[in-house]
Amino acid sequence: MTVKSVACFWAFCCLLLLSGCSKDQANPRASRKDGQISIEFWHYQSGPQGKAIDELLRKFESANPGIRVRAVFQGNPGQLKQKLDGSFASGLNNNPAVSLVYENWADDFVARGYIEPVQDHFEGPDGLSAEDQRDFVKAFRDGNTWNGKLMTLPFNKSIYMLYLNMDMLKQAGFTTGPATQVEYAEMVRKATIRRNGRTAAYGMGVIPKGEAMTTLLLAGGGDLVDSAGQPHLNSPEAVAALQWLRELQYPDKCLYVNTDYMSVPFSSKLIASFIYSSASLPYNQEASQKGGFEYQAVPIPGVAGKTPRYLMQGTNIAMFANKSKEEKSAAWKVIRFLTSPENGAYFCARSGYMPYRYSMLEQAELKSYMAAHADYATAARLVLSDQGVQEPKVRAWEGIRQEIDKVVDQALSRPDADPVALLNDLQKQAEKRLRQN
C-alpha cells in the first residue's frame, strides 16, 4: 500500500469514528446521563439576583429530577449578546436551551428563526391557560409578542423613578416630591448650593445618556414612536424634555453630569435628586442609611394636562428552536416554573426587580416585601396599574438608542447646542437605521 493509500485509509477511519460520535457530541450544551437531560440557562445576573436564580433552579430540579439546569453567568448584557451571537454563528448548536434576551435581540433572533415560540407550548399538562396568559402585565405581553404570537416571557423588569434626598429638599423649602416638571425644575435650582463661587451641592444628578431625555418625554405625555411604529423623536414633547435639561445646565449648571452611577454622589449628599431605574432601589436605600438622610422614591413628574407614563426596561426569557424535542420540553418546564406567580414573586422579593404578573401582588412574600419597602411598592404599583411603557422592540432600536445617547450628551456638554436641530437630525438618523434594518 502506498503512502497516499495509507493516508486515505486512516482519513476514512477517522470519518467513521467522527460520524459514530456525532450524535453524542452534536450538542455540547445538553447531555443525557442515567435518563436525565441537562440544559443550560445563560444570564447576566450576579450578586443577590444570581443567587436567587440558582436557588430557584435547585428548587426546580428537586421537583423535576429528570432535568438538570446549569445556570451560566455570561458577564454584562453586552457580553451575553456577543456570546449568543457567536454560538449561533458557529453553526454547531453551541447555544443554550434558555437565555435572557432584550426585546431588540429577540426581534433579530425571531427574524432568523432562532427562537422557539413559548406559545407553542401553552397546550398540554405543562401549559399556560388563557387566564394565565392575561395575568402577565399587558405592556410585557405586547413586548414579548411577534406576529400575534408570544415568543418569549418577561423575567427581570425595572421602571424608572425619581429619587429624592428629602433633607436637602426641605432645606430648599420643599416637603414633598414635585408634582410637575415645572415644579421639579424649581426644586433643582433651589437645592443647588454654591459657596465661595463653587458648587457645593447640585439639585439633580444626570447620566448623559438617552434615558435622561426619554424618561421626561414619556412622563410628559410623549411617545418614542408614532401609531405606525415610526420614530417620533423630534416631537414637541421631546423638544420640551431636552430643553428642560438644557435650561438647568446653562447657564447656571444646576446639574451634576457624570457617567458613573448616581447612588455614590447621592450617598455623599452631592446631589439632591436623580432619575434612574428601579434596579437601583437597594443601592439608594443603602445610600440613605449611609448618608443619614430621609429618602423617597416617587414617580417622575409629568406635565399638566398630559397623561404620564414611565419607562420600563429589562430582559425576557427565551428558548431556542434548534434543540431536540426533549430539550425544548425541558426548557419550557424551566420557563413555566420561573415565571409562575409564586416563583416570580420569590425572585422579585430577592432581586428588587418589578412584578410582571398581576397576581404576584397576591403572593404573601411580595406583599411582605412591599410592606417593608415603600419605595419598591410605589414602583411596583406603577407597573401593575399599566402605567409603564417599554422601548420599541425592533432590532434597530439598539442603534437608535446610541443616537439618542449622543444627542443628550451634546445637549448637556455644548453651550451652543440647539435642541430642535439636534432632535431633527436624530429623527433622520432613526428613520435611516429603521430603513437599513
Protein backbone atom coordinates (compact mmCIF):
# COMPACT_ATOMS: atom_id res chain seq x y z
CA MET A 1 0.00 0.00 0.00
CA THR A 2 1.41 3.39 -0.96
CA VAL A 3 1.86 6.25 1.50
CA LYS A 4 -1.03 8.05 -0.18
CA SER A 5 -3.26 4.98 0.18
CA VAL A 6 -2.42 4.64 3.88
CA ALA A 7 -3.26 8.31 4.44
CA CYS A 8 -6.60 7.91 2.68
CA PHE A 9 -7.36 4.76 4.69
CA TRP A 10 -6.75 6.49 8.03
CA ALA A 11 -8.71 9.57 6.94
CA PHE A 12 -11.65 7.28 6.11
CA CYS A 13 -11.36 5.62 9.54
CA CYS A 14 -11.38 9.00 11.25
CA LEU A 15 -14.52 10.00 9.36
CA LEU A 16 -16.24 6.81 10.51
CA LEU A 17 -15.18 7.48 14.08
CA LEU A 18 -16.42 11.07 14.00
CA SER A 19 -19.72 10.07 12.44
CA GLY A 20 -20.22 7.49 15.15
CA CYS A 21 -19.63 10.14 17.85
CA SER A 22 -21.58 12.94 16.22
CA LYS A 23 -24.89 12.01 17.75
CA ASP A 24 -23.50 12.43 21.28
CA GLN A 25 -21.29 15.43 20.54
CA ALA A 26 -23.61 17.46 18.29
CA ASN A 27 -24.93 19.46 21.20
CA PRO A 28 -22.37 20.09 23.94
CA ARG A 29 -24.89 22.34 25.71
CA ALA A 30 -27.18 19.42 26.52
CA SER A 31 -26.47 15.87 27.62
CA ARG A 32 -28.20 12.79 28.96
CA LYS A 33 -26.98 10.62 31.80
CA ASP A 34 -28.97 7.89 33.52
CA GLY A 35 -32.13 9.14 31.86
CA GLN A 36 -31.55 12.73 32.98
CA ILE A 37 -31.41 15.58 30.47
CA SER A 38 -29.12 18.55 31.13
CA ILE A 39 -29.59 22.02 29.62
CA GLU A 40 -28.01 25.45 30.08
CA PHE A 41 -29.58 28.77 31.03
CA TRP A 42 -27.44 31.80 30.11
CA HIS A 43 -27.88 35.06 32.01
CA TYR A 44 -26.07 38.17 33.25
CA GLN A 45 -27.35 38.28 36.83
CA SER A 46 -24.83 38.42 39.68
CA GLY A 47 -24.98 39.08 43.42
CA PRO A 48 -28.41 38.60 45.06
CA GLN A 49 -30.09 38.31 41.64
CA GLY A 50 -27.81 35.48 40.52
CA LYS A 51 -28.17 33.75 43.87
CA ALA A 52 -31.97 33.90 43.59
CA ILE A 53 -31.80 32.28 40.13
CA ASP A 54 -29.59 29.48 41.47
CA GLU A 55 -31.96 28.88 44.39
CA LEU A 56 -34.97 28.68 42.10
CA LEU A 57 -33.25 26.28 39.73
CA ARG A 58 -32.28 23.95 42.57
CA LYS A 59 -35.93 24.02 43.65
CA PHE A 60 -36.92 23.21 40.06
CA GLU A 61 -34.53 20.26 39.90
CA SER A 62 -35.94 18.86 43.13
CA ALA A 63 -39.42 18.95 41.59
CA ASN A 64 -38.15 17.63 38.24
CA PRO A 65 -35.45 15.02 38.96
CA GLY A 66 -35.17 14.10 35.28
CA ILE A 67 -33.90 17.57 34.33
CA ARG A 68 -30.69 19.32 35.30
CA VAL A 69 -30.33 23.05 34.58
CA ARG A 70 -26.90 24.68 34.59
CA ALA A 71 -27.10 28.45 35.07
CA VAL A 72 -24.17 30.12 33.27
CA PHE A 73 -23.23 33.72 34.12
CA GLN A 74 -22.03 35.38 30.91
CA GLY A 75 -20.89 38.80 32.15
CA ASN A 76 -22.78 42.01 31.38
CA PRO A 77 -25.67 42.16 28.89
CA GLY A 78 -23.36 43.16 26.03
CA GLN A 79 -21.13 40.17 26.68
CA LEU A 80 -24.15 37.86 26.85
CA LYS A 81 -25.31 39.15 23.46
CA GLN A 82 -21.87 38.62 21.93
CA LYS A 83 -21.72 35.05 23.22
CA LEU A 84 -25.22 34.28 21.95
CA ASP A 85 -24.33 35.69 18.51
CA GLY A 86 -21.11 33.68 18.48
CA SER A 87 -22.89 30.48 19.47
CA PHE A 88 -25.35 30.83 16.60
CA ALA A 89 -22.65 31.86 14.12
CA SER A 90 -20.63 28.70 14.86
CA GLY A 91 -23.41 26.55 13.43
CA LEU A 92 -22.54 23.82 15.96
CA ASN A 93 -25.60 24.06 18.20
CA ASN A 94 -23.42 25.64 20.88
CA ASN A 95 -26.18 27.99 22.06
CA PRO A 96 -28.02 27.28 25.32
CA ALA A 97 -31.55 25.96 25.51
CA VAL A 98 -32.68 29.02 27.53
CA SER A 99 -31.34 32.56 27.84
CA LEU A 100 -32.27 36.06 28.92
CA VAL A 101 -32.74 38.39 25.93
CA TYR A 102 -33.72 42.00 25.37
CA GLU A 103 -36.62 42.70 23.03
CA ASN A 104 -34.44 44.09 20.24
CA TRP A 105 -32.23 40.98 20.41
CA ALA A 106 -35.32 38.81 20.25
CA ASP A 107 -36.56 40.74 17.20
CA ASP A 108 -33.38 39.75 15.36
CA PHE A 109 -33.50 36.16 16.64
CA VAL A 110 -37.17 35.80 15.66
CA ALA A 111 -36.39 37.04 12.15
CA ARG A 112 -33.61 34.45 11.86
CA GLY A 113 -35.81 31.63 13.13
CA TYR A 114 -33.71 31.04 16.25
CA ILE A 115 -36.44 31.37 18.88
CA GLU A 116 -38.90 28.65 19.75
CA PRO A 117 -42.26 30.35 20.46
CA VAL A 118 -43.33 29.80 24.05
CA GLN A 119 -46.92 29.93 22.82
CA ASP A 120 -46.35 26.63 21.02
CA HIS A 121 -46.11 25.03 24.47
CA PHE A 122 -49.23 26.54 26.03
CA GLU A 123 -51.31 23.41 25.45
CA GLY A 124 -50.82 20.19 27.41
CA PRO A 125 -50.04 19.22 31.01
CA ASP A 126 -47.40 21.95 31.44
CA GLY A 127 -49.43 24.53 29.58
CA LEU A 128 -50.43 28.10 30.22
CA SER A 129 -54.15 28.83 30.26
CA ALA A 130 -55.71 31.88 28.66
CA GLU A 131 -56.26 33.27 32.15
CA ASP A 132 -52.59 32.74 32.98
CA GLN A 133 -51.57 34.49 29.78
CA ARG A 134 -53.69 37.53 30.61
CA ASP A 135 -52.09 37.57 34.06
CA PHE A 136 -48.85 38.90 32.55
CA VAL A 137 -48.71 42.71 32.58
CA LYS A 138 -50.07 43.95 29.26
CA ALA A 139 -47.01 46.02 28.30
CA PHE A 140 -44.83 42.95 28.84
CA ARG A 141 -47.19 40.73 26.85
CA ASP A 142 -47.02 43.20 23.97
CA GLY A 143 -43.25 43.39 24.22
CA ASN A 144 -42.91 39.62 24.01
CA THR A 145 -45.31 39.15 21.08
CA TRP A 146 -44.37 38.94 17.40
CA ASN A 147 -46.95 38.46 14.64
CA GLY A 148 -49.67 37.80 17.19
CA LYS A 149 -47.74 35.05 18.99
CA LEU A 150 -45.98 35.12 22.36
CA MET A 151 -42.38 34.22 21.58
CA THR A 152 -40.77 34.92 24.98
CA LEU A 153 -41.91 35.75 28.51
CA PRO A 154 -40.86 38.60 30.85
CA PHE A 155 -38.41 37.86 33.63
CA ASN A 156 -36.41 40.73 35.16
CA LYS A 157 -38.02 44.15 34.70
CA SER A 158 -37.45 47.62 36.09
CA ILE A 159 -39.16 51.01 35.89
CA TYR A 160 -37.66 54.49 36.09
CA MET A 161 -38.31 56.57 39.20
CA LEU A 162 -37.27 59.88 40.76
CA TYR A 163 -35.07 59.56 43.87
CA LEU A 164 -35.04 62.37 46.43
CA ASN A 165 -32.90 63.39 49.40
CA MET A 166 -35.74 64.88 51.41
CA ASP A 167 -33.43 66.52 53.96
CA MET A 168 -31.72 68.56 51.23
CA LEU A 169 -35.06 69.42 49.64
CA LYS A 170 -36.57 70.53 52.96
CA GLN A 171 -33.67 72.94 53.36
CA ALA A 172 -34.62 74.28 49.92
CA GLY A 173 -38.23 74.76 51.02
CA PHE A 174 -39.91 71.55 49.75
CA THR A 175 -41.62 68.94 51.89
CA THR A 176 -42.99 66.64 49.16
CA GLY A 177 -41.88 65.37 45.79
CA PRO A 178 -42.60 67.50 42.71
CA ALA A 179 -45.99 67.14 41.01
CA THR A 180 -44.90 68.58 37.65
CA GLN A 181 -41.71 69.12 35.70
CA VAL A 182 -42.08 72.87 36.21
CA GLU A 183 -42.08 72.33 39.97
CA TYR A 184 -39.19 69.89 39.69
CA ALA A 185 -37.07 72.43 37.77
CA GLU A 186 -37.69 74.97 40.54
CA MET A 187 -36.72 72.36 43.12
CA VAL A 188 -33.47 71.53 41.28
CA ARG A 189 -32.48 75.21 41.14
CA LYS A 190 -33.24 75.92 44.79
CA ALA A 191 -31.50 72.76 46.00
CA THR A 192 -28.29 73.70 44.19
CA ILE A 193 -25.92 75.19 46.78
CA ARG A 194 -22.97 77.42 45.98
CA ARG A 195 -20.31 78.54 48.41
CA ASN A 196 -17.39 80.85 47.69
CA GLY A 197 -18.05 80.71 43.98
CA ARG A 198 -18.09 76.89 43.84
CA THR A 199 -20.98 74.41 43.70
CA ALA A 200 -21.21 72.50 46.98
CA ALA A 201 -24.32 70.51 46.02
CA TYR A 202 -26.39 70.05 42.88
CA GLY A 203 -30.14 69.85 42.66
CA MET A 204 -30.02 66.90 40.27
CA GLY A 205 -27.59 64.27 39.04
CA VAL A 206 -27.74 63.22 35.38
CA ILE A 207 -26.07 60.42 33.44
CA PRO A 208 -25.61 61.83 29.90
CA LYS A 209 -27.47 59.04 28.13
CA GLY A 210 -30.77 58.72 26.29
CA GLU A 211 -32.86 57.89 29.35
CA ALA A 212 -32.22 61.38 30.72
CA MET A 213 -34.47 62.65 27.94
CA THR A 214 -36.80 59.73 27.19
CA THR A 215 -37.98 59.40 30.80
CA LEU A 216 -39.03 63.06 30.82
CA LEU A 217 -40.54 62.74 27.35
CA LEU A 218 -42.76 59.81 28.38
CA ALA A 219 -43.72 61.36 31.72
CA GLY A 220 -44.62 64.50 29.77
CA GLY A 221 -47.16 62.61 27.63
CA GLY A 222 -44.95 61.96 24.60
CA ASP A 223 -44.14 58.79 22.67
CA LEU A 224 -40.96 57.26 21.30
CA VAL A 225 -42.74 56.07 18.17
CA ASP A 226 -45.99 57.03 16.47
CA SER A 227 -49.03 54.82 15.90
CA ALA A 228 -47.38 53.34 12.80
CA GLY A 229 -44.27 52.37 14.72
CA GLN A 230 -42.12 55.11 13.21
CA PRO A 231 -39.71 57.16 15.35
CA HIS A 232 -41.28 60.22 16.96
CA LEU A 233 -38.13 61.75 18.42
CA ASN A 234 -38.48 65.37 17.32
CA SER A 235 -41.98 65.82 18.75
CA PRO A 236 -42.91 68.86 20.87
CA GLU A 237 -42.66 66.65 23.96
CA ALA A 238 -39.13 65.56 23.00
CA VAL A 239 -38.06 69.16 22.39
CA ALA A 240 -39.54 70.18 25.76
CA ALA A 241 -37.70 67.36 27.56
CA LEU A 242 -34.33 68.19 26.05
CA GLN A 243 -34.85 71.91 26.58
CA TRP A 244 -35.78 71.23 30.22
CA LEU A 245 -32.37 69.65 30.77
CA ARG A 246 -30.51 72.42 28.94
CA GLU A 247 -32.16 75.21 30.88
CA LEU A 248 -30.96 73.62 34.12
CA GLN A 249 -27.47 73.12 32.76
CA TYR A 250 -26.93 76.51 31.08
CA PRO A 251 -26.03 78.99 32.29
CA ASP A 252 -26.41 78.08 35.98
CA LYS A 253 -25.05 74.49 35.97
CA CYS A 254 -27.59 73.05 38.40
CA LEU A 255 -26.94 69.51 37.07
CA TYR A 256 -24.18 67.18 38.19
CA VAL A 257 -23.34 65.36 34.94
CA ASN A 258 -21.32 62.16 35.20
CA THR A 259 -21.28 58.75 33.51
CA ASP A 260 -20.98 56.86 36.82
CA TYR A 261 -23.88 55.52 38.87
CA MET A 262 -25.59 58.27 40.84
CA SER A 263 -26.01 56.30 44.09
CA VAL A 264 -22.49 57.35 45.13
CA PRO A 265 -22.95 61.17 44.87
CA PHE A 266 -26.45 60.63 46.27
CA SER A 267 -24.94 58.95 49.33
CA SER A 268 -22.39 61.74 49.81
CA LYS A 269 -25.12 64.42 49.51
CA LEU A 270 -23.52 65.91 46.41
CA ILE A 271 -26.87 65.66 44.61
CA ALA A 272 -30.39 66.13 45.96
CA SER A 273 -32.16 64.00 43.33
CA PHE A 274 -31.79 61.87 40.22
CA ILE A 275 -33.86 59.75 37.85
CA TYR A 276 -32.91 56.12 37.34
CA SER A 277 -34.17 52.56 37.06
CA SER A 278 -35.80 50.78 39.98
CA ALA A 279 -32.86 48.37 39.77
CA SER A 280 -31.05 50.97 41.91
CA LEU A 281 -33.61 50.83 44.74
CA PRO A 282 -31.47 48.67 47.09
CA TYR A 283 -28.43 50.87 46.47
CA ASN A 284 -30.39 54.06 47.20
CA GLN A 285 -31.74 52.62 50.43
CA GLU A 286 -28.18 51.78 51.42
CA ALA A 287 -27.01 55.26 50.34
CA SER A 288 -29.63 56.99 52.51
CA GLN A 289 -28.71 54.86 55.52
CA LYS A 290 -25.02 55.54 54.99
CA GLY A 291 -25.63 59.26 54.47
CA GLY A 292 -28.10 59.51 57.33
CA PHE A 293 -30.87 61.30 55.45
CA GLU A 294 -34.56 60.83 54.71
CA TYR A 295 -35.07 59.36 51.27
CA GLN A 296 -38.07 58.93 48.98
CA ALA A 297 -38.69 57.33 45.59
CA VAL A 298 -41.58 58.91 43.67
CA PRO A 299 -42.99 58.82 40.13
CA ILE A 300 -41.19 61.02 37.61
CA PRO A 301 -43.13 64.30 37.45
CA GLY A 302 -45.20 64.97 34.37
CA VAL A 303 -46.73 67.91 32.56
CA ALA A 304 -50.06 69.49 33.49
CA GLY A 305 -52.88 68.19 31.31
CA LYS A 306 -50.89 65.19 29.99
CA THR A 307 -51.10 61.53 30.99
CA PRO A 308 -47.70 60.43 32.32
CA ARG A 309 -46.13 57.10 31.53
CA TYR A 310 -42.94 55.61 32.85
CA LEU A 311 -40.08 53.94 31.02
CA MET A 312 -39.58 50.23 31.73
CA GLN A 313 -36.59 48.11 30.77
CA GLY A 314 -35.22 44.64 31.38
CA THR A 315 -34.88 41.24 29.78
CA ASN A 316 -37.15 38.36 28.92
CA ILE A 317 -36.60 34.63 28.94
CA ALA A 318 -36.35 32.77 25.64
CA MET A 319 -35.93 29.20 24.46
CA PHE A 320 -34.29 28.25 21.18
CA ALA A 321 -35.63 26.29 18.23
CA ASN A 322 -32.53 24.29 17.26
CA LYS A 323 -32.80 21.95 20.25
CA SER A 324 -34.28 18.46 20.37
CA LYS A 325 -37.89 17.87 21.32
CA GLU A 326 -36.78 16.66 24.77
CA GLU A 327 -34.58 19.69 25.35
CA LYS A 328 -37.32 22.10 24.33
CA SER A 329 -39.77 20.32 26.59
CA ALA A 330 -37.31 20.70 29.47
CA ALA A 331 -36.66 24.34 28.57
CA TRP A 332 -40.36 25.13 28.60
CA LYS A 333 -40.77 23.46 32.00
CA VAL A 334 -38.00 25.73 33.33
CA ILE A 335 -39.58 28.88 31.88
CA ARG A 336 -43.03 27.90 33.12
CA PHE A 337 -41.59 27.30 36.59
CA LEU A 338 -39.55 30.51 36.81
CA THR A 339 -42.42 32.74 35.66
CA SER A 340 -45.12 31.29 37.89
CA PRO A 341 -46.67 33.83 40.30
CA GLU A 342 -45.10 32.14 43.32
CA ASN A 343 -41.58 31.85 41.93
CA GLY A 344 -41.74 35.19 40.17
CA ALA A 345 -42.63 36.84 43.50
CA TYR A 346 -39.77 34.95 45.17
CA PHE A 347 -37.30 36.31 42.59
CA CYS A 348 -38.64 39.87 42.73
CA ALA A 349 -38.52 39.99 46.53
CA ARG A 350 -34.86 38.94 46.46
CA SER A 351 -33.68 40.88 43.43
CA GLY A 352 -35.56 44.18 43.59
CA TYR A 353 -36.97 43.65 40.09
CA MET A 354 -40.57 44.55 39.33
CA PRO A 355 -43.50 42.10 39.34
CA TYR A 356 -44.54 41.14 35.82
CA ARG A 357 -47.75 39.26 36.60
CA TYR A 358 -50.74 40.96 38.20
CA SER A 359 -51.33 38.05 40.58
CA MET A 360 -47.85 38.42 42.05
CA LEU A 361 -49.36 41.16 44.20
CA GLU A 362 -51.41 38.45 45.91
CA GLN A 363 -48.32 36.44 46.92
CA ALA A 364 -47.60 36.69 50.63
CA GLU A 365 -43.86 37.03 50.09
CA LEU A 366 -44.18 40.01 47.76
CA LYS A 367 -46.85 41.59 49.97
CA SER A 368 -44.47 41.39 52.90
CA TYR A 369 -41.60 42.83 50.85
CA MET A 370 -43.70 45.75 49.62
CA ALA A 371 -44.90 46.50 53.15
CA ALA A 372 -41.28 46.76 54.29
CA HIS A 373 -40.06 48.72 51.24
CA ALA A 374 -42.29 51.69 50.45
CA ASP A 375 -40.12 52.81 47.52
CA TYR A 376 -40.39 49.39 45.87
CA ALA A 377 -44.16 49.37 46.46
CA THR A 378 -44.51 52.75 44.72
CA ALA A 379 -42.62 51.48 41.68
CA ALA A 380 -44.44 48.14 41.57
CA ARG A 381 -47.86 49.81 41.64
CA LEU A 382 -46.92 51.87 38.58
CA VAL A 383 -46.12 48.66 36.71
CA LEU A 384 -49.19 46.75 37.87
CA SER A 385 -51.51 49.68 37.08
CA ASP A 386 -50.29 49.57 33.45
CA GLN A 387 -48.59 52.97 33.59
CA GLY A 388 -45.28 51.65 32.31
CA VAL A 389 -44.15 51.65 28.68
CA GLN A 390 -41.30 49.74 27.06
CA GLU A 391 -38.92 50.87 24.37
CA PRO A 392 -39.70 49.69 20.83
CA LYS A 393 -38.74 46.05 20.34
CA VAL A 394 -37.37 46.39 16.79
CA ARG A 395 -33.77 45.25 16.39
CA ALA A 396 -32.79 48.68 15.04
CA TRP A 397 -33.62 50.28 18.38
CA GLU A 398 -30.24 49.44 19.92
CA GLY A 399 -28.58 51.63 17.31
CA ILE A 400 -31.25 54.32 17.72
CA ARG A 401 -30.61 54.35 21.46
CA GLN A 402 -26.96 55.08 20.75
CA GLU A 403 -28.04 58.03 18.60
CA ILE A 404 -30.24 59.33 21.44
CA ASP A 405 -27.27 58.99 23.80
CA LYS A 406 -25.20 61.22 21.51
CA VAL A 407 -27.92 63.88 21.37
CA VAL A 408 -28.29 64.03 25.16
CA ASP A 409 -24.54 64.18 25.63
CA GLN A 410 -24.22 67.03 23.13
CA ALA A 411 -27.13 68.94 24.66
CA LEU A 412 -25.50 68.76 28.10
CA SER A 413 -21.89 69.40 27.04
CA ARG A 414 -22.22 72.08 24.33
CA PRO A 415 -23.39 75.55 25.41
CA ASP A 416 -24.29 76.39 21.78
CA ALA A 417 -26.32 73.23 21.10
CA ASP A 418 -29.78 73.72 19.55
CA PRO A 419 -32.28 71.13 20.86
CA VAL A 420 -34.55 71.44 17.81
CA ALA A 421 -31.68 70.93 15.37
CA LEU A 422 -30.30 68.02 17.39
CA LEU A 423 -33.68 66.27 17.50
CA ASN A 424 -34.42 66.86 13.83
CA ASP A 425 -31.11 65.22 12.98
CA LEU A 426 -31.87 62.42 15.46
CA GLN A 427 -35.19 61.78 13.74
CA LYS A 428 -33.44 61.43 10.38
CA GLN A 429 -30.82 59.07 11.81
CA ALA A 430 -33.51 56.94 13.46
CA GLU A 431 -35.52 56.68 10.24
CA LYS A 432 -32.34 55.74 8.37
CA ARG A 433 -31.50 52.96 10.84
CA LEU A 434 -35.02 51.56 10.56
CA ARG A 435 -34.76 51.50 6.76
CA GLN A 436 -31.39 49.75 6.91
CA ASN A 437 -32.77 47.07 9.23
